[in-house]
Protein backbone atom coordinates (compact mmCIF):
# COMPACT_ATOMS: atom_id res chain seq x y z
CA MET A 1 -24.72 -21.01 17.89
CA SER A 2 -24.90 -24.58 16.56
CA THR A 3 -22.80 -27.38 18.05
CA LYS A 4 -20.76 -27.47 14.83
CA ASN A 5 -20.12 -23.74 14.95
CA ARG A 6 -19.22 -23.85 18.65
CA PHE A 7 -16.71 -26.61 17.94
CA ALA A 8 -15.21 -24.64 15.04
CA PHE A 9 -15.00 -21.50 17.18
CA SER A 10 -13.32 -23.44 20.00
CA CYS A 11 -10.77 -24.82 17.54
CA LEU A 12 -10.12 -21.30 16.25
CA MET A 13 -9.52 -19.97 19.75
CA LEU A 14 -7.11 -22.83 20.51
CA MET A 15 -5.18 -22.14 17.29
CA ILE A 16 -5.00 -18.42 17.99
CA ALA A 17 -3.78 -19.12 21.52
CA SER A 18 -1.18 -21.52 20.13
CA ALA A 19 -0.01 -18.98 17.53
CA GLY A 20 0.23 -16.33 20.23
CA ARG A 21 2.39 -18.31 22.69
CA ALA A 22 5.28 -16.17 23.87
CA GLU A 23 7.95 -18.66 22.79
CA SER A 24 9.99 -16.19 20.77
CA LEU A 25 13.31 -14.78 21.89
CA ASP A 26 11.83 -11.40 22.85
CA GLY A 27 8.64 -12.81 24.40
CA VAL A 28 6.38 -10.97 21.95
CA ALA A 29 3.45 -12.81 20.34
CA PRO A 30 3.61 -13.33 16.55
CA ASP A 31 2.28 -10.60 14.26
CA VAL A 32 0.17 -12.50 11.71
CA GLY A 33 -0.35 -9.43 9.50
CA ALA A 34 3.39 -8.83 9.29
CA GLY A 35 3.85 -12.53 8.62
CA GLN A 36 1.47 -12.36 5.66
CA LYS A 37 3.41 -9.45 4.12
CA ARG A 38 6.79 -11.10 4.66
CA ALA A 39 5.52 -14.44 3.34
CA ALA A 40 4.38 -12.91 0.04
CA VAL A 41 7.55 -14.18 -1.66
CA CYS A 42 6.51 -17.73 -0.62
CA PHE A 43 3.10 -17.53 -2.30
CA ALA A 44 4.37 -18.31 -5.81
CA CYS A 45 5.19 -21.87 -4.72
CA HIS A 46 3.20 -22.50 -1.54
CA GLY A 47 0.08 -20.40 -2.27
CA ALA A 48 -1.26 -17.41 -0.31
CA ASP A 49 -3.58 -19.82 1.50
CA GLY A 50 -0.77 -22.27 2.19
CA ILE A 51 -2.11 -24.73 -0.40
CA SER A 52 0.49 -25.45 -3.08
CA ARG A 53 -0.55 -25.71 -6.74
CA ILE A 54 2.86 -27.04 -7.79
CA PRO A 55 3.39 -30.83 -7.73
CA GLY A 56 5.98 -31.87 -5.18
CA THR A 57 5.73 -28.63 -3.20
CA PRO A 58 4.35 -29.15 0.33
CA HIS A 59 1.20 -27.52 1.68
CA LEU A 60 1.92 -25.22 4.64
CA ALA A 61 -1.66 -24.50 5.75
CA GLY A 62 -2.20 -25.69 9.30
CA GLN A 63 1.40 -26.85 9.81
CA ASP A 64 2.63 -26.57 13.39
CA ARG A 65 4.23 -23.17 13.96
CA ILE A 66 7.26 -24.48 15.84
CA TYR A 67 7.98 -27.02 13.09
CA LEU A 68 7.87 -24.26 10.45
CA GLU A 69 10.08 -21.99 12.54
CA ASN A 70 12.69 -24.71 12.96
CA ALA A 71 12.58 -25.54 9.24
CA LEU A 72 13.05 -21.91 8.20
CA ARG A 73 15.92 -21.41 10.63
CA ALA A 74 17.59 -24.56 9.32
CA TYR A 75 17.26 -23.32 5.73
CA ARG A 76 18.54 -19.87 6.73
CA ASP A 77 21.54 -21.27 8.63
CA GLY A 78 22.36 -23.84 5.93
CA THR A 79 21.94 -26.91 8.16
CA ARG A 80 19.11 -27.97 5.82
CA GLN A 81 20.01 -27.75 2.17
CA MET A 82 17.73 -26.75 -0.71
CA PRO A 83 19.07 -23.91 -2.88
CA THR A 84 15.73 -22.15 -3.42
CA MET A 85 14.73 -22.28 0.24
CA ASN A 86 18.23 -21.38 1.44
CA ALA A 87 18.09 -18.22 -0.69
CA MET A 88 14.52 -17.43 0.43
CA ALA A 89 15.32 -17.83 4.13
CA LYS A 90 18.72 -16.14 4.19
CA PRO A 91 17.42 -12.55 4.63
CA LEU A 92 14.80 -13.49 7.26
CA SER A 93 15.18 -12.27 10.82
CA ASP A 94 14.08 -14.38 13.80
CA ARG A 95 11.00 -12.15 14.07
CA ASP A 96 10.20 -12.66 10.35
CA ILE A 97 10.39 -16.43 10.80
CA ILE A 98 8.09 -16.39 13.84
CA ASN A 99 5.52 -14.24 12.02
CA ILE A 100 5.61 -16.28 8.78
CA ALA A 101 5.21 -19.56 10.66
CA ALA A 102 2.23 -18.21 12.61
CA TYR A 103 0.60 -16.97 9.40
CA PHE A 104 0.79 -20.34 7.65
CA GLN A 105 -0.32 -22.24 10.77
CA LEU A 106 -3.51 -20.19 10.75
CA GLN A 107 -4.26 -20.84 7.06
CA VAL A 108 -6.97 -23.40 7.81
CA ARG A 109 -10.62 -22.91 6.88
CA MET A 110 -13.32 -22.60 9.49
CA ASP A 111 -17.01 -23.52 9.20
CA GLN A 112 -17.94 -20.53 7.02
CA GLY A 113 -14.89 -20.74 4.78
CA GLN A 114 -12.96 -18.07 6.67
CA SER A 115 -9.38 -18.88 7.56
CA ALA A 116 -8.19 -18.68 11.15
CA ALA A 117 -5.72 -15.98 10.08
CA GLU A 118 -8.58 -13.88 8.66
CA ALA A 119 -10.54 -14.29 11.88
CA MET A 120 -7.51 -13.26 13.91
CA LYS A 121 -7.04 -10.15 11.75
CA THR A 122 -10.68 -9.24 12.40
CA ILE A 123 -10.11 -9.58 16.14
CA ASP A 124 -7.02 -7.37 15.92
CA ARG A 125 -8.90 -4.79 13.84
CA ILE A 126 -11.60 -4.26 16.46
CA HIS A 127 -9.14 -3.77 19.32
CA PRO A 128 -9.18 -0.24 20.80
CA VAL A 129 -6.58 2.13 19.44
CA GLY A 130 -3.62 2.22 21.81
CA ARG A 131 -2.08 5.66 21.56
CA VAL A 132 -1.22 8.39 19.11
CA ALA A 133 2.31 9.78 19.01
CA LEU A 134 2.72 13.24 17.52
CA LYS A 135 5.98 14.41 15.98
CA PRO A 136 6.92 18.09 16.18
CA ALA A 137 6.32 19.90 12.93
CA VAL A 138 9.44 20.43 10.84
CA THR A 139 9.93 24.04 9.90
CA GLY A 140 12.48 25.79 7.78
CA GLY A 141 13.93 24.95 4.39
CA ALA A 142 17.17 23.57 5.82
CA ALA A 143 15.37 20.93 7.88
CA THR A 144 13.26 19.87 4.91
CA THR A 145 16.35 19.54 2.74
CA GLY A 146 18.03 17.50 5.43
CA ASP A 147 15.07 15.15 5.73
CA SER A 148 15.05 14.68 1.96
CA ALA A 149 18.74 13.89 1.89
CA ALA A 150 18.32 11.40 4.75
CA ALA A 151 15.47 9.66 2.92
CA GLN A 152 17.54 9.41 -0.24
CA SER A 153 20.48 7.97 1.68
CA GLN A 154 18.19 5.19 2.99
CA THR A 155 17.17 4.08 -0.51
CA ARG A 156 18.78 0.72 -1.22
CA SER A 157 20.63 -0.01 -4.42
CA GLY A 158 19.17 -2.28 -7.06
CA GLU A 159 21.86 -4.84 -6.29
CA ALA A 160 20.96 -4.85 -2.57
CA VAL A 161 17.23 -5.24 -3.24
CA TYR A 162 17.93 -7.98 -5.77
CA ALA A 163 20.08 -9.92 -3.30
CA ALA A 164 17.53 -9.62 -0.49
CA THR A 165 14.32 -10.22 -2.46
CA CYS A 166 14.71 -11.24 -6.11
CA ALA A 167 17.61 -13.70 -6.02
CA ALA A 168 15.58 -16.44 -4.32
CA CYS A 169 13.50 -17.02 -7.47
CA HIS A 170 15.67 -15.60 -10.26
CA ASP A 171 18.86 -17.40 -9.23
CA SER A 172 17.07 -20.76 -9.12
CA GLY A 173 14.28 -20.28 -11.69
CA ALA A 174 11.63 -21.07 -9.06
CA ALA A 175 7.99 -20.87 -10.21
CA GLY A 176 9.11 -20.24 -13.79
CA ALA A 177 11.11 -17.09 -13.06
CA PRO A 178 13.67 -16.32 -15.80
CA ARG A 179 17.11 -17.05 -14.38
CA THR A 180 19.59 -14.26 -13.85
CA GLY A 181 21.94 -13.86 -16.80
CA ASP A 182 19.91 -16.11 -19.13
CA ARG A 183 20.02 -13.90 -22.22
CA GLU A 184 17.71 -16.11 -24.26
CA ALA A 185 15.01 -16.07 -21.60
CA TRP A 186 15.34 -12.33 -21.01
CA ALA A 187 15.52 -11.20 -24.66
CA PRO A 188 11.73 -11.03 -25.25
CA ARG A 189 11.24 -9.43 -21.85
CA LEU A 190 13.86 -6.75 -22.45
CA ALA A 191 12.20 -6.04 -25.80
CA GLN A 192 9.11 -4.86 -23.87
CA GLY A 193 11.09 -1.97 -22.44
CA MET A 194 12.17 -1.07 -18.92
CA ASP A 195 8.92 0.72 -18.07
CA ARG A 196 6.86 -2.42 -18.74
CA LEU A 197 9.27 -4.64 -16.80
CA ALA A 198 9.22 -2.26 -13.85
CA GLN A 199 5.41 -2.15 -13.97
CA HIS A 200 5.22 -5.95 -13.86
CA ALA A 201 7.62 -6.07 -10.92
CA ILE A 202 5.74 -3.39 -8.97
CA GLN A 203 2.21 -4.63 -9.65
CA GLY A 204 2.96 -8.35 -9.81
CA PHE A 205 2.89 -10.60 -12.86
CA LYS A 206 1.84 -14.25 -13.15
CA ALA A 207 3.49 -16.13 -10.25
CA MET A 208 5.47 -13.08 -9.10
CA PRO A 209 3.73 -11.19 -6.26
CA PRO A 210 3.66 -7.35 -6.23
CA LYS A 211 7.13 -5.97 -5.57
CA GLY A 212 8.41 -9.52 -5.61
CA GLY A 213 7.01 -9.90 -2.10
CA CYS A 214 9.05 -6.99 -0.68
CA ALA A 215 6.17 -4.95 0.77
CA GLU A 216 8.54 -2.45 2.38
CA CYS A 217 10.43 -1.72 -0.87
CA SER A 218 9.73 1.56 -2.62
CA GLU A 219 8.89 1.68 -6.32
CA VAL A 220 12.24 3.40 -6.89
CA GLU A 221 14.05 0.49 -5.24
CA ILE A 222 12.07 -2.09 -7.23
CA ARG A 223 12.86 -0.35 -10.52
CA ALA A 224 16.53 -0.23 -9.54
CA ALA A 225 16.42 -3.98 -8.86
CA VAL A 226 14.80 -4.57 -12.27
CA GLU A 227 17.51 -2.52 -13.99
CA HIS A 228 20.19 -4.48 -12.13
CA LEU A 229 18.59 -7.77 -13.16
CA ALA A 230 18.16 -6.64 -16.77
CA GLY A 231 21.80 -5.55 -16.89
CA LYS A 232 22.87 -9.12 -16.12
CA ALA A 233 21.09 -10.34 -19.26
CA ARG A 234 22.47 -7.82 -21.74
């Protein structure tokens, strides 16, 4: 290994160690993969690699994790005011904030162009499998029906998904998103039909990431959110 590569590798290990410090409330190291998924809603403005393409928007790649955590908590709690960021941060849990901050801290490029976050994901991928938990098989029609009813009861309403995920951009117009209730802006979009709008929301369109950045949302929930949003513009 060349001196340059050894230095880069040493820097990577220091950054990974820093990102993994047990400074969170529950003493658990950050989950960079979970941070990447939760940060998807940030990518429209700050970039998936933490490098902003929008003038006046700060780069987050390589920023100190603790600084980012404190900033996100301040936006979430309202002690730091910026409407778009306040709306973005409001639904974040402490664990979300820790994971997002760790993800952006590791968005720096190493000697071969790989980011520290990518290297860390590779390390995690080659770890031995921990354990497999088996659930008892569900038998009988009644149990199946019960499971189905329980799953349906857990599906969030379009209004709830909108408030948690979509409002951050559509209330403020961030990254060119059409603002909620702006009939003029929504008219040509509504003319495309609900199926096309739902497809764009699920797959991602222009600056909007797939599912608006809500990786855990089902397609049914995303469509419901689209219908809720469209209803505000009619």
